[in-house]
Each structure stands twice: as C-alpha cells, then as structure tokens.
Amino acid sequence: MESQTKIQEAVNKIRSWREDPDTFVMDNFGAIPDKWQSRALKAFVDEDPEQSRICLSACAGVGKSAAISWCALLFLGCYCGKGEHPVGAVVSETHEMLQDTLWKELAKWMAMSPYLSSQFTWTKTRVYSNQFPKTWYLTARSYSKTANEEERGRTLSGLHSDYIAYFIDESGDMSTTVLKSAEQGLTNCKFGKIITAGNPTSHQGLLYFAAEEDADNWHVIRITGDPDDPERSSRVSKKHAQKMIDLYGREDPWVMAYILGRFPKSAINTLMSPDEVRDSIARGKASSLTAVLYEKSQKRLGIDVALYGDDKTVIFPRQGLRAFPPVCMRNTAADGEAPSRIAARVMEAKNRWGSEMEFVDCTGGYGDGVINYLRDAGATPTRVNYASKASDDDKYANKRTEMYFKMRDWVRSGGILPNDSELIKELSSPTYTLKNGKLALEPKERIKERIKRSPDKADALAQTFYMADMPAGSVGKPEIEMLAYEGESQDSNWEPNWE
C-alpha cells in the first residue's frame, strides 16, 4: 500500500509539472524562469496544434540554451503513455557546436535534479532512461559540413513514438531542409513539438524562415535587450545595451541582432569557419608539407603590441603560405620599459630568422614607442593603423577589415597555420556585414566579449597582410602570385628556427 501511495504521489507530481512547467524548473533546478522563458515553457506543454512549432528569436546572453534544455528535460522526464515512451533529437549545425553548447547545457541541468539524475543517464550521444534505455531517450544529431540538401533533410529521421520532440539550437545559419524529417514526425504522434532558437543574424537560415517567412505557422517568441522595451530580458545589462546603442546606433547590424534581437537589414556573416581553420592547421602537420611552398616569399613579422591589462604582445612570423608559431609576451608593462623590451625581442627574431618586413600595430598609440626603438636599432618597421583607409577603399570599410579578409583568402588558398588551439576560436569568431556598401569587420570589443580574451594572435597574423605578398629580397616591389599548395612529399617535422 505504501509503495502504491508513493507511485501515485510521483504520478501526481509529474502531472503537476506538465500543467505548470515553471514549477518543474523550480523544483528540479532551483531556478526561476524569466518571463519569456516561462512563455516558452507554457507553449511547449500546450497541446494546441498551433503551438507545435516554437521559435525563439533572441538577442545574445538571455538564456535561450537554458530554456531549450528545460523543455527537453521536461519532455524526457514527464511525457509517456501506455507502452509509449518519449523520444527526441537535439541538433546543432556541427558536432562541435552541439557538444559545446546545448548538449553540455543538458548535462549541467540534469546534474542539479535528483529526479532526473537518478532516472536518466547522460552520455556524449544520448540521454536515456535507466529502465528503458532503447525506447526512452534524447539523441544528439548533427550533419557533416559536406552534406548535401538531401542528407541534411535526413538529420532528424528515424524517430518514432506517440511522444516526439525536436530541439534545434543555433539555427541562424542552419538549412531549412533539416525540418523535413521533423515535420513528418509530427504527423503521426499524440504529442509532438519542434522548438528552435538562435540569434537573428542571417536572412537565409532556419531561424529567419520560422520567425519571418513562415511566422504564421510558428509560435514566435522574440527576446530583446532593448533598454526601452518593458518586456526586455533582465539578463542583458541595461547599461551595456545602452552603451552599445549610443556607440553604434540602433540601425547597426550587430546592435540589431545581439542587443535588440531583431534581424538586421544586412545579414551578419562569419569570416571563417572553425573547420577552415582546423584544415589550415592540419596542412602544417601533413607529410606533404615542403619548404618549396613558401621559401621564395618574403619573411614578415606581425607585432600586436599590448602594454597593459590582460592582453598580450604577440610576434607572429609568416613567409608566403606558411605561418610559424608566434611568440607571446605577457605583463610587458610591469617594469616600465615595455617598448624597449618588445623591440629587443623583435630585433632578436629579425636577426635570427632574417625577416624583411615588420608590421607594428600603432592603432592605440602603444606601438609608437616600439617603432622608435626598432628604428634606432636600424630596422625599418611599418606602422599599422587599423582604422586607416583600406587600399581597396571601395570594398573595405577600413584597413583592419581588409587585412582580415586578405588573411581569410590566404587560408582558403592553402595557407598553413601553426598548431595552436587558440587560433581556432580567434580566427573563427569574427563576423562581418555590409555597412554603406562596404565590407565591415565587427568591432574588436565584441569579439573580446564573446571569446573572453583579446584576439591578439589573430591580430598579429592579420598585420602581415598589411600589404600584398612579395618575393624574398623585394621590399617595395610589386605583388607576386603566391605558390599554390600542391603537396610534395617531405618530412613534416621540418621547421626553421625563426625564433
């Protein structure tokens, strides 16, 4: 009798969670949902067919991954019928993105709940019921970057149950064909949901389709950090939001997407993908690497100068298609002689490696002292100002944007990066858009906020693209075409001692 009473109490508790999902969140995770999160949870449990497709179009930092995780765990822990168990899929555009965001978020919230952590097991590919592991689960899904539209359309296939749900995160750039199998899944179930979320940056992805083009068929929840909106998310700093609006204006693409939660007039695009950067690093490890690819090109040093704070001074060497491991100097202002010490380290590299051109960042004035010391030592460094006019002024908003785009083109044409894990995030994080008809890279402050550090290595390497590549011994002579990566066989451990 006592066991039956406990079972009935558990059934009643689960039923109450389905009726009031805010209570589910508070009871299991000790969290109080924001107003918009509460709306998303209530839409998720609503059995009205008009609520079967939910779109969360959100500015940055509002807790959308938490909201999707709560919906997914509510579904997993509270939905089942006679002989039918809930099955669902969690998807992001790449495996890495999924593991780093939503799948990790699921693990975090599960660990907080005695009920969920005792009844379910989390692995890197599935979250499943300990009692019914083969029929009661969430599965992690992604698709290959080389997948065609038909293959992407099968990403969410293979799920069958009376209770089925699809959780699609970071869908701003995701192909709409991913919805194909999910839509089919909704046609043969008692309870079915598709919930997608992302930042409104692209005009071509799944999020734009759901929030704008097909909005009549979706329950769209828009989340903003707009200081003037009474329904704004409290998780976005009002002071920071107003500062960004004052600095860049409400029509700025990044302000619209990441602060106001609105789709900008021009889509925000990522400069390089993580896979492109990884492929470039892999070329440096390949047995096909040979010095003939770059030995006839000019040797250059990019010097990103940092005197204060947590930023670091970076000296990055590049010769044609090959970039070599950078030297990093920290706490350079500690003894008050930073410019001379930085210049001494640059001259040491120049003398040992034989660099022909040195590009020093003087945008904030920090590099001017380094320039003076280098000139006193007999070098002829080039002063770099990121805010200066681009060589191709009709195409790029400033020199910084131009250098980064030249660096991207170099990567895509066979450029070889050193094996440095920090470069993956620093090179794949920057985004760009069109501003007054010109390509414009996002401000550095936004990149620092997103990756939690200054992209000093990426900046230093970008500076080596301040002017067109030239052959060795031809300072000031016209541009030459860089050698293509052809993959001749040579010892992959060959490495000049540039330092």
Protein backbone atom coordinates (compact mmCIF):
# COMPACT_ATOMS: atom_id res chain seq x y z
CA MET A 1 0.00 0.00 0.00
CA GLU A 2 2.80 2.38 0.92
CA SER A 3 4.60 1.77 -2.40
CA GLN A 4 1.39 2.37 -4.34
CA THR A 5 0.93 5.63 -2.46
CA LYS A 6 4.45 6.74 -3.41
CA ILE A 7 3.85 5.82 -7.04
CA GLN A 8 0.63 7.82 -7.07
CA GLU A 9 2.42 10.77 -5.47
CA ALA A 10 5.08 10.61 -8.17
CA VAL A 11 2.42 10.43 -10.89
CA ASN A 12 0.65 13.43 -9.41
CA LYS A 13 3.90 15.38 -9.16
CA ILE A 14 4.79 14.67 -12.80
CA ARG A 15 1.27 15.64 -13.88
CA SER A 16 1.59 18.91 -11.96
CA TRP A 17 4.91 19.64 -13.70
CA ARG A 18 3.26 19.16 -17.09
CA GLU A 19 0.46 21.51 -16.09
CA ASP A 20 2.81 24.10 -14.60
CA PRO A 21 6.29 23.83 -16.19
CA ASP A 22 7.62 26.78 -14.16
CA THR A 23 7.21 24.57 -11.08
CA PHE A 24 9.16 21.82 -12.86
CA VAL A 25 12.07 24.21 -13.31
CA MET A 26 11.93 25.48 -9.74
CA ASP A 27 11.53 22.02 -8.17
CA ASN A 28 14.27 20.35 -10.21
CA PHE A 29 16.80 23.11 -10.78
CA GLY A 30 16.09 25.73 -8.15
CA ALA A 31 15.76 28.36 -10.90
CA ILE A 32 13.03 30.89 -11.57
CA PRO A 33 12.33 31.28 -15.30
CA ASP A 34 12.35 34.75 -16.85
CA LYS A 35 9.01 35.91 -18.25
CA TRP A 36 9.93 34.94 -21.81
CA GLN A 37 11.30 31.56 -20.65
CA SER A 38 8.01 30.95 -18.86
CA ARG A 39 6.13 31.74 -22.08
CA ALA A 40 8.34 29.26 -23.96
CA LEU A 41 7.74 26.53 -21.36
CA LYS A 42 3.96 27.08 -21.41
CA ALA A 43 3.93 26.99 -25.22
CA PHE A 44 5.88 23.73 -25.10
CA VAL A 45 3.37 21.91 -22.89
CA ASP A 46 0.36 23.38 -24.72
CA GLU A 47 -1.32 20.63 -26.78
CA ASP A 48 -2.88 23.11 -29.22
CA PRO A 49 -1.58 22.19 -32.73
CA GLU A 50 -0.83 25.88 -33.32
CA GLN A 51 1.79 25.63 -30.57
CA SER A 52 3.56 22.59 -32.05
CA ARG A 53 6.28 24.74 -33.68
CA ILE A 54 8.08 27.19 -31.38
CA CYS A 55 10.70 29.70 -32.47
CA LEU A 56 12.90 31.64 -30.03
CA SER A 57 14.49 34.58 -31.86
CA ALA A 58 16.79 36.08 -29.27
CA CYS A 59 19.45 38.69 -28.67
CA ALA A 60 22.67 37.49 -27.03
CA GLY A 61 23.03 36.34 -23.43
CA VAL A 62 19.38 35.80 -22.48
CA GLY A 63 19.47 32.10 -21.56
CA LYS A 64 17.93 30.55 -24.66
CA SER A 65 20.03 27.38 -24.33
CA ALA A 66 18.78 27.03 -20.75
CA ALA A 67 15.17 27.41 -21.93
CA ILE A 68 15.57 24.73 -24.60
CA SER A 69 17.30 22.44 -22.10
CA TRP A 70 14.42 22.83 -19.63
CA CYS A 71 11.92 21.98 -22.36
CA ALA A 72 13.97 18.94 -23.40
CA LEU A 73 14.31 17.63 -19.84
CA LEU A 74 10.65 18.35 -19.10
CA PHE A 75 9.77 16.31 -22.18
CA LEU A 76 12.11 13.48 -21.24
CA GLY A 77 11.05 13.33 -17.61
CA CYS A 78 7.32 13.94 -17.79
CA TYR A 79 5.89 12.54 -21.04
CA CYS A 80 4.93 8.93 -21.59
CA GLY A 81 1.83 6.84 -22.22
CA LYS A 82 0.78 3.23 -22.03
CA GLY A 83 3.57 1.36 -23.76
CA GLU A 84 4.88 4.52 -25.41
CA HIS A 85 7.95 6.41 -24.27
CA PRO A 86 9.16 9.87 -25.32
CA VAL A 87 11.95 10.09 -27.93
CA GLY A 88 13.59 13.25 -29.13
CA ALA A 89 16.53 14.66 -31.04
CA VAL A 90 18.80 17.57 -30.16
CA VAL A 91 20.60 19.16 -33.11
CA SER A 92 23.07 21.92 -33.96
CA GLU A 93 24.80 22.61 -37.25
CA THR A 94 28.06 20.89 -36.27
CA HIS A 95 29.02 18.21 -33.76
CA GLU A 96 31.43 20.61 -32.02
CA MET A 97 28.80 23.32 -31.69
CA LEU A 98 26.29 20.88 -30.23
CA GLN A 99 28.76 19.45 -27.71
CA ASP A 100 29.95 22.89 -26.63
CA THR A 101 26.51 24.41 -26.17
CA LEU A 102 23.16 22.67 -25.81
CA TRP A 103 24.39 19.15 -25.07
CA LYS A 104 26.66 20.46 -22.31
CA GLU A 105 23.78 22.56 -21.02
CA LEU A 106 21.62 19.43 -20.72
CA ALA A 107 24.28 17.75 -18.60
CA LYS A 108 24.55 20.77 -16.30
CA TRP A 109 20.82 20.96 -15.56
CA MET A 110 20.43 17.19 -15.24
CA ALA A 111 23.09 17.11 -12.54
CA MET A 112 21.06 19.61 -10.48
CA SER A 113 17.95 17.44 -10.39
CA PRO A 114 17.81 14.43 -8.01
CA TYR A 115 14.88 13.06 -10.04
CA LEU A 116 16.48 13.36 -13.47
CA SER A 117 20.00 12.32 -12.42
CA SER A 118 18.66 9.17 -10.72
CA GLN A 119 16.31 8.11 -13.52
CA PHE A 120 18.34 9.03 -16.61
CA THR A 121 21.93 8.75 -17.85
CA TRP A 122 23.76 11.38 -19.90
CA THR A 123 26.42 10.35 -22.44
CA LYS A 124 28.07 12.27 -25.28
CA THR A 125 25.50 10.97 -27.76
CA ARG A 126 22.36 10.08 -25.79
CA VAL A 127 20.38 10.84 -22.66
CA TYR A 128 18.35 7.74 -21.85
CA SER A 129 16.04 6.21 -19.25
CA ASN A 130 17.86 3.77 -16.99
CA GLN A 131 14.81 1.50 -17.06
CA PHE A 132 14.02 1.73 -20.81
CA PRO A 133 17.30 2.78 -22.49
CA LYS A 134 16.34 1.65 -26.01
CA THR A 135 12.92 3.29 -26.23
CA TRP A 136 13.08 6.34 -23.94
CA TYR A 137 15.79 8.83 -24.89
CA LEU A 138 17.13 12.03 -26.43
CA THR A 139 19.76 11.65 -29.12
CA ALA A 140 22.43 14.12 -30.28
CA ARG A 141 22.32 14.86 -34.01
CA SER A 142 24.40 16.96 -36.43
CA TYR A 143 25.39 16.78 -40.07
CA SER A 144 28.65 16.90 -41.97
CA LYS A 145 29.75 20.22 -43.46
CA THR A 146 29.90 18.43 -46.83
CA ALA A 147 26.37 17.02 -46.56
CA ASN A 148 24.05 17.80 -49.46
CA GLU A 149 20.47 19.01 -49.01
CA GLU A 150 19.04 15.50 -49.09
CA GLU A 151 21.45 14.30 -46.40
CA ARG A 152 20.66 17.33 -44.22
CA GLY A 153 16.98 16.57 -44.63
CA ARG A 154 17.58 13.17 -43.01
CA THR A 155 19.30 14.62 -39.94
CA LEU A 156 16.22 14.18 -37.74
CA SER A 157 14.91 10.97 -39.29
CA GLY A 158 14.46 7.64 -37.55
CA LEU A 159 12.41 8.73 -34.53
CA HIS A 160 9.05 7.04 -33.93
CA SER A 161 6.78 7.43 -30.92
CA ASP A 162 3.46 8.83 -29.78
CA TYR A 163 5.58 11.41 -27.92
CA ILE A 164 8.21 13.06 -30.07
CA ALA A 165 10.15 16.34 -29.92
CA TYR A 166 12.95 18.05 -31.84
CA PHE A 167 15.22 20.65 -30.23
CA ILE A 168 17.18 22.74 -32.76
CA ASP A 169 19.74 25.17 -31.34
CA GLU A 170 21.81 27.91 -33.03
CA SER A 171 19.65 27.73 -36.15
CA GLY A 172 20.56 31.15 -37.56
CA ASP A 173 22.60 29.69 -40.42
CA MET A 174 21.07 26.20 -40.49
CA SER A 175 19.46 24.87 -43.67
CA THR A 176 15.66 24.66 -43.61
CA THR A 177 15.87 21.16 -45.06
CA VAL A 178 16.64 19.94 -41.53
CA LEU A 179 12.94 20.41 -40.84
CA LYS A 180 11.92 17.81 -43.43
CA SER A 181 12.04 14.74 -41.18
CA ALA A 182 10.81 16.67 -38.16
CA GLU A 183 7.65 17.76 -39.98
CA GLN A 184 7.00 14.16 -40.97
CA GLY A 185 7.45 13.09 -37.35
CA LEU A 186 4.72 15.47 -36.18
CA THR A 187 2.08 13.90 -38.42
CA ASN A 188 1.88 10.55 -36.60
CA CYS A 189 2.03 11.29 -32.88
CA LYS A 190 -0.16 12.24 -29.93
CA PHE A 191 2.23 14.91 -28.70
CA GLY A 192 4.82 16.46 -30.99
CA LYS A 193 6.97 19.58 -30.82
CA ILE A 194 9.66 21.38 -32.80
CA ILE A 195 11.47 24.12 -30.92
CA THR A 196 14.26 26.14 -32.49
CA ALA A 197 16.35 29.03 -31.21
CA GLY A 198 19.12 31.33 -32.35
CA ASN A 199 20.36 34.88 -32.81
CA PRO A 200 18.74 36.80 -35.70
CA THR A 201 21.86 37.28 -37.82
CA SER A 202 21.12 35.62 -41.17
CA HIS A 203 18.37 36.15 -43.73
CA GLN A 204 18.71 32.65 -45.18
CA GLY A 205 18.71 30.21 -42.28
CA LEU A 206 16.07 28.19 -40.49
CA LEU A 207 15.55 30.85 -37.81
CA TYR A 208 14.67 33.54 -40.36
CA PHE A 209 12.32 31.10 -42.09
CA ALA A 210 10.49 30.32 -38.85
CA ALA A 211 10.47 33.85 -37.39
CA GLU A 212 9.73 35.81 -40.57
CA GLU A 213 8.90 33.86 -43.74
CA ASP A 214 6.70 31.16 -42.18
CA ALA A 215 5.76 33.01 -38.98
CA ASP A 216 2.03 32.20 -39.40
CA ASN A 217 2.83 28.53 -38.75
CA TRP A 218 5.15 29.12 -35.80
CA HIS A 219 4.67 30.38 -32.27
CA VAL A 220 7.39 33.05 -32.34
CA ILE A 221 8.85 34.45 -29.12
CA ARG A 222 11.15 37.41 -29.63
CA ILE A 223 13.60 38.24 -26.84
CA THR A 224 15.26 41.65 -26.66
CA GLY A 225 17.73 43.52 -24.50
CA ASP A 226 16.38 46.90 -25.65
CA PRO A 227 16.62 49.28 -22.67
CA ASP A 228 13.40 50.99 -23.81
CA ASP A 229 11.34 47.80 -24.02
CA PRO A 230 9.39 46.98 -20.81
CA GLU A 231 9.44 43.28 -21.83
CA ARG A 232 13.25 43.23 -22.19
CA SER A 233 15.31 40.39 -20.74
CA SER A 234 16.77 41.30 -17.36
CA ARG A 235 19.77 39.09 -18.13
CA VAL A 236 21.11 41.68 -20.56
CA SER A 237 22.87 44.54 -18.80
CA LYS A 238 20.80 47.66 -19.39
CA LYS A 239 23.90 49.82 -19.04
CA HIS A 240 25.86 47.76 -21.56
CA ALA A 241 22.94 47.67 -24.02
CA GLN A 242 22.54 51.44 -23.87
CA LYS A 243 26.29 51.93 -24.31
CA MET A 244 26.29 49.82 -27.48
CA ILE A 245 23.28 51.72 -28.84
CA ASP A 246 24.92 55.07 -28.08
CA LEU A 247 28.19 53.99 -29.69
CA TYR A 248 26.90 52.36 -32.86
CA GLY A 249 23.24 53.33 -33.25
CA ARG A 250 20.07 51.26 -33.37
CA GLU A 251 20.46 50.50 -37.07
CA ASP A 252 23.90 48.94 -36.61
CA PRO A 253 23.65 45.24 -37.67
CA TRP A 254 25.30 43.89 -34.51
CA VAL A 255 23.22 46.09 -32.23
CA MET A 256 20.05 44.97 -34.00
CA ALA A 257 20.90 41.25 -33.76
CA TYR A 258 22.73 40.92 -30.44
CA ILE A 259 21.14 43.74 -28.38
CA LEU A 260 17.70 44.38 -29.86
CA GLY A 261 17.03 40.82 -31.02
CA ARG A 262 15.96 41.96 -34.50
CA PHE A 263 17.07 40.80 -37.92
CA PRO A 264 19.40 43.44 -39.39
CA LYS A 265 18.97 44.76 -42.92
CA SER A 266 22.28 43.12 -43.90
CA ALA A 267 22.98 39.59 -42.71
CA ILE A 268 25.87 39.05 -40.29
CA ASN A 269 28.33 36.52 -41.66
CA THR A 270 31.18 34.58 -40.05
CA LEU A 271 34.54 35.40 -41.61
CA MET A 272 35.91 31.85 -41.32
CA SER A 273 34.53 28.59 -40.03
CA PRO A 274 36.29 26.51 -37.35
CA ASP A 275 36.70 23.73 -39.91
CA GLU A 276 38.57 26.04 -42.29
CA VAL A 277 40.99 26.94 -39.51
CA ARG A 278 41.43 23.31 -38.47
CA ASP A 279 42.11 22.31 -42.08
CA SER A 280 44.77 25.00 -42.32
CA ILE A 281 46.42 23.72 -39.13
CA ALA A 282 46.21 20.13 -40.44
CA ARG A 283 48.17 21.16 -43.54
CA GLY A 284 51.04 22.08 -41.23
CA LYS A 285 51.03 18.56 -39.78
CA ALA A 286 50.85 16.76 -43.13
CA SER A 287 53.71 14.70 -44.53
CA SER A 288 53.22 16.60 -47.77
CA LEU A 289 54.49 19.85 -46.27
CA THR A 290 57.54 21.20 -48.08
CA ALA A 291 59.58 24.40 -47.91
CA VAL A 292 59.26 24.92 -51.66
CA LEU A 293 55.73 26.14 -51.00
CA TYR A 294 56.94 29.34 -49.38
CA GLU A 295 60.75 29.64 -49.39
CA LYS A 296 60.81 32.17 -52.24
CA SER A 297 58.44 34.52 -50.44
CA GLN A 298 59.25 37.45 -48.20
CA LYS A 299 59.64 36.83 -44.45
CA ARG A 300 57.38 39.02 -42.33
CA LEU A 301 56.66 39.67 -38.66
CA GLY A 302 53.30 40.93 -37.39
CA ILE A 303 53.65 42.61 -33.97
CA ASP A 304 50.50 43.22 -31.94
CA VAL A 305 51.59 45.43 -29.03
CA ALA A 306 49.89 45.29 -25.62
CA LEU A 307 51.31 47.23 -22.70
CA TYR A 308 48.57 46.98 -20.08
CA GLY A 309 45.77 44.72 -18.85
CA ASP A 310 45.34 41.05 -19.67
CA ASP A 311 46.17 41.39 -23.37
CA LYS A 312 49.48 40.01 -24.57
CA THR A 313 52.07 41.22 -27.05
CA VAL A 314 52.36 38.76 -29.95
CA ILE A 315 55.10 38.45 -32.58
CA PHE A 316 53.78 36.35 -35.46
CA PRO A 317 56.08 35.22 -38.30
CA ARG A 318 54.84 34.40 -41.81
CA GLN A 319 56.58 33.55 -45.05
CA GLY A 320 54.24 33.24 -48.02
CA LEU A 321 51.91 30.31 -47.47
CA ARG A 322 53.48 29.35 -44.13
CA ALA A 323 52.80 30.95 -40.75
CA PHE A 324 55.09 29.82 -37.91
CA PRO A 325 54.38 29.55 -34.15
CA PRO A 326 54.10 33.01 -32.57
CA VAL A 327 55.97 34.37 -29.56
CA CYS A 328 53.79 35.79 -26.78
CA MET A 329 54.94 38.28 -24.16
CA ARG A 330 52.79 38.90 -21.07
CA ASN A 331 52.85 41.66 -18.44
CA THR A 332 55.01 43.74 -20.74
CA ALA A 333 54.42 46.98 -18.82
CA ALA A 334 55.42 45.57 -15.44
CA ASP A 335 58.86 47.18 -15.37
CA GLY A 336 58.01 50.40 -17.22
CA GLU A 337 60.34 49.53 -20.10
CA ALA A 338 57.89 47.63 -22.26
CA PRO A 339 58.59 49.31 -25.64
CA SER A 340 62.33 48.68 -25.43
CA ARG A 341 61.89 45.06 -24.31
CA ILE A 342 59.36 44.35 -27.05
CA ALA A 343 61.63 45.97 -29.66
CA ALA A 344 64.60 43.93 -28.39
CA ARG A 345 62.61 40.71 -28.79
CA VAL A 346 61.54 41.71 -32.31
CA MET A 347 65.16 42.50 -33.27
CA GLU A 348 66.26 39.14 -31.89
CA ALA A 349 63.68 37.40 -34.09
CA LYS A 350 64.61 39.57 -37.07
CA ASN A 351 68.33 38.83 -36.77
CA ARG A 352 67.89 35.09 -36.20
CA TRP A 353 65.21 34.47 -38.80
CA GLY A 354 66.01 37.20 -41.29
CA SER A 355 62.63 38.91 -41.54
CA GLU A 356 62.46 41.60 -44.22
CA MET A 357 59.37 43.47 -43.03
CA GLU A 358 57.96 44.12 -39.57
CA PHE A 359 54.38 45.40 -39.17
CA VAL A 360 53.68 47.06 -35.79
CA ASP A 361 50.17 47.87 -34.57
CA CYS A 362 50.07 51.53 -33.55
CA THR A 363 46.27 51.94 -33.55
CA GLY A 364 46.04 52.84 -29.87
CA GLY A 365 49.43 54.53 -29.75
CA TYR A 366 51.02 51.69 -27.76
CA GLY A 367 53.22 50.63 -30.66
CA ASP A 368 54.78 54.03 -31.32
CA GLY A 369 57.49 53.51 -28.72
CA VAL A 370 58.31 50.10 -30.20
CA ILE A 371 58.58 51.70 -33.65
CA ASN A 372 61.06 54.28 -32.34
CA TYR A 373 63.27 51.66 -30.67
CA LEU A 374 63.24 49.48 -33.79
CA ARG A 375 64.30 52.42 -35.95
CA ASP A 376 67.10 53.23 -33.52
CA ALA A 377 68.24 49.62 -33.89
CA GLY A 378 68.45 50.00 -37.67
CA ALA A 379 65.17 48.35 -38.66
CA THR A 380 62.54 49.93 -40.92
CA PRO A 381 59.23 48.83 -39.40
CA THR A 382 55.86 49.60 -40.99
CA ARG A 383 53.31 51.45 -38.87
CA VAL A 384 49.85 49.80 -38.91
CA ASN A 385 46.69 51.72 -38.06
CA TYR A 386 43.60 49.53 -38.09
CA ALA A 387 41.27 52.49 -38.50
CA SER A 388 43.09 53.88 -41.53
CA LYS A 389 41.73 53.82 -45.07
CA ALA A 390 41.89 50.45 -46.87
CA SER A 391 43.96 50.07 -50.01
CA ASP A 392 40.76 48.96 -51.71
CA ASP A 393 38.59 51.69 -50.24
CA ASP A 394 35.63 50.83 -52.48
CA LYS A 395 35.37 47.36 -50.95
CA TYR A 396 36.51 47.52 -47.32
CA ALA A 397 35.38 49.87 -44.53
CA ASN A 398 38.90 50.19 -43.07
CA LYS A 399 42.38 48.66 -43.04
CA ARG A 400 41.53 46.20 -40.27
CA THR A 401 38.72 44.68 -42.33
CA GLU A 402 40.94 44.49 -45.40
CA MET A 403 43.76 42.71 -43.55
CA TYR A 404 41.39 40.15 -42.04
CA PHE A 405 39.80 39.42 -45.42
CA LYS A 406 43.24 39.02 -47.03
CA MET A 407 44.12 36.61 -44.22
CA ARG A 408 40.91 34.66 -44.84
CA ASP A 409 41.66 34.45 -48.58
CA TRP A 410 45.16 33.21 -47.69
CA VAL A 411 43.71 30.42 -45.51
CA ARG A 412 41.32 29.38 -48.26
CA SER A 413 44.05 29.38 -50.90
CA GLY A 414 46.23 26.91 -48.97
CA GLY A 415 47.70 28.95 -46.11
CA ILE A 416 49.37 26.85 -43.42
CA LEU A 417 48.74 27.76 -39.77
CA PRO A 418 50.81 26.56 -36.81
CA ASN A 419 49.35 24.02 -34.41
CA ASP A 420 47.83 26.50 -31.94
CA SER A 421 44.39 25.73 -30.48
CA GLU A 422 43.76 29.38 -29.55
CA LEU A 423 43.80 30.31 -33.23
CA ILE A 424 40.71 28.21 -33.92
CA LYS A 425 38.50 30.42 -31.76
CA GLU A 426 40.29 33.69 -32.57
CA LEU A 427 40.03 33.21 -36.34
CA SER A 428 36.55 31.69 -36.50
CA SER A 429 34.82 34.14 -34.14
CA PRO A 430 34.96 37.43 -36.10
CA THR A 431 31.89 38.31 -38.14
CA TYR A 432 31.25 40.93 -40.79
CA THR A 433 28.44 42.69 -42.57
CA LEU A 434 27.87 45.36 -45.20
CA LYS A 435 27.95 48.95 -44.00
CA ASN A 436 27.35 51.74 -46.51
CA GLY A 437 28.06 49.28 -49.30
CA LYS A 438 31.44 48.17 -47.86
CA LEU A 439 32.53 45.03 -46.00
CA ALA A 440 32.99 45.81 -42.31
CA LEU A 441 34.50 43.53 -39.65
CA GLU A 442 32.79 43.64 -36.27
CA PRO A 443 34.47 45.74 -33.54
CA LYS A 444 37.22 44.04 -31.57
CA GLU A 445 35.41 44.73 -28.29
CA ARG A 446 32.58 42.42 -29.36
CA ILE A 447 35.00 39.61 -30.21
CA LYS A 448 36.70 40.01 -26.82
CA GLU A 449 33.33 39.86 -25.07
CA ARG A 450 32.38 36.68 -26.92
CA ILE A 451 35.61 34.68 -26.58
CA LYS A 452 36.57 36.15 -23.18
CA ARG A 453 40.01 37.34 -24.30
CA SER A 454 41.63 39.61 -26.83
CA PRO A 455 42.29 38.00 -30.26
CA ASP A 456 45.93 39.08 -30.09
CA LYS A 457 47.32 36.20 -32.16
CA ALA A 458 44.78 36.71 -34.93
CA ASP A 459 45.52 40.45 -34.97
CA ALA A 460 49.28 39.89 -35.20
CA LEU A 461 48.94 37.44 -38.08
CA ALA A 462 46.48 39.73 -39.88
CA GLN A 463 49.07 42.53 -39.79
CA THR A 464 51.37 40.52 -42.06
CA PHE A 465 48.74 41.12 -44.75
CA TYR A 466 49.02 44.90 -44.45
CA MET A 467 50.40 44.95 -47.98
CA ALA A 468 50.48 42.39 -50.77
CA ASP A 469 52.94 39.50 -50.53
CA MET A 470 56.24 39.91 -52.33
CA PRO A 471 59.16 37.64 -53.24
CA ALA A 472 62.18 37.43 -50.95
CA GLY A 473 64.53 40.38 -51.30
CA SER A 474 61.97 42.63 -52.97
CA VAL A 475 60.87 45.17 -50.38
CA GLY A 476 58.65 47.69 -52.13
CA LYS A 477 58.41 45.73 -55.38
CA PRO A 478 55.08 44.68 -56.99
CA GLU A 479 52.95 41.84 -55.73
CA ILE A 480 53.66 38.30 -56.92
CA GLU A 481 51.25 35.41 -57.06
CA MET A 482 51.71 33.08 -54.09
CA LEU A 483 52.67 29.47 -54.77
CA ALA A 484 49.72 27.09 -54.68
CA TYR A 485 49.63 24.26 -52.16
CA GLU A 486 50.45 21.15 -54.20
CA GLY A 487 51.54 18.68 -51.54
CA GLU A 488 55.02 17.45 -52.48
CA SER A 489 56.40 14.86 -50.11
CA GLN A 490 58.80 15.98 -47.38
CA ASP A 491 59.41 15.44 -43.67
CA SER A 492 56.54 17.13 -41.82
CA ASN A 493 58.84 17.92 -38.89
CA TRP A 494 60.89 20.36 -40.94
CA GLU A 495 60.75 23.64 -39.06
CA PRO A 496 63.09 26.65 -39.39
CA ASN A 497 64.36 28.12 -36.14
CA TRP A 498 62.83 31.54 -36.71
CA GLU A 499 62.87 32.43 -33.01
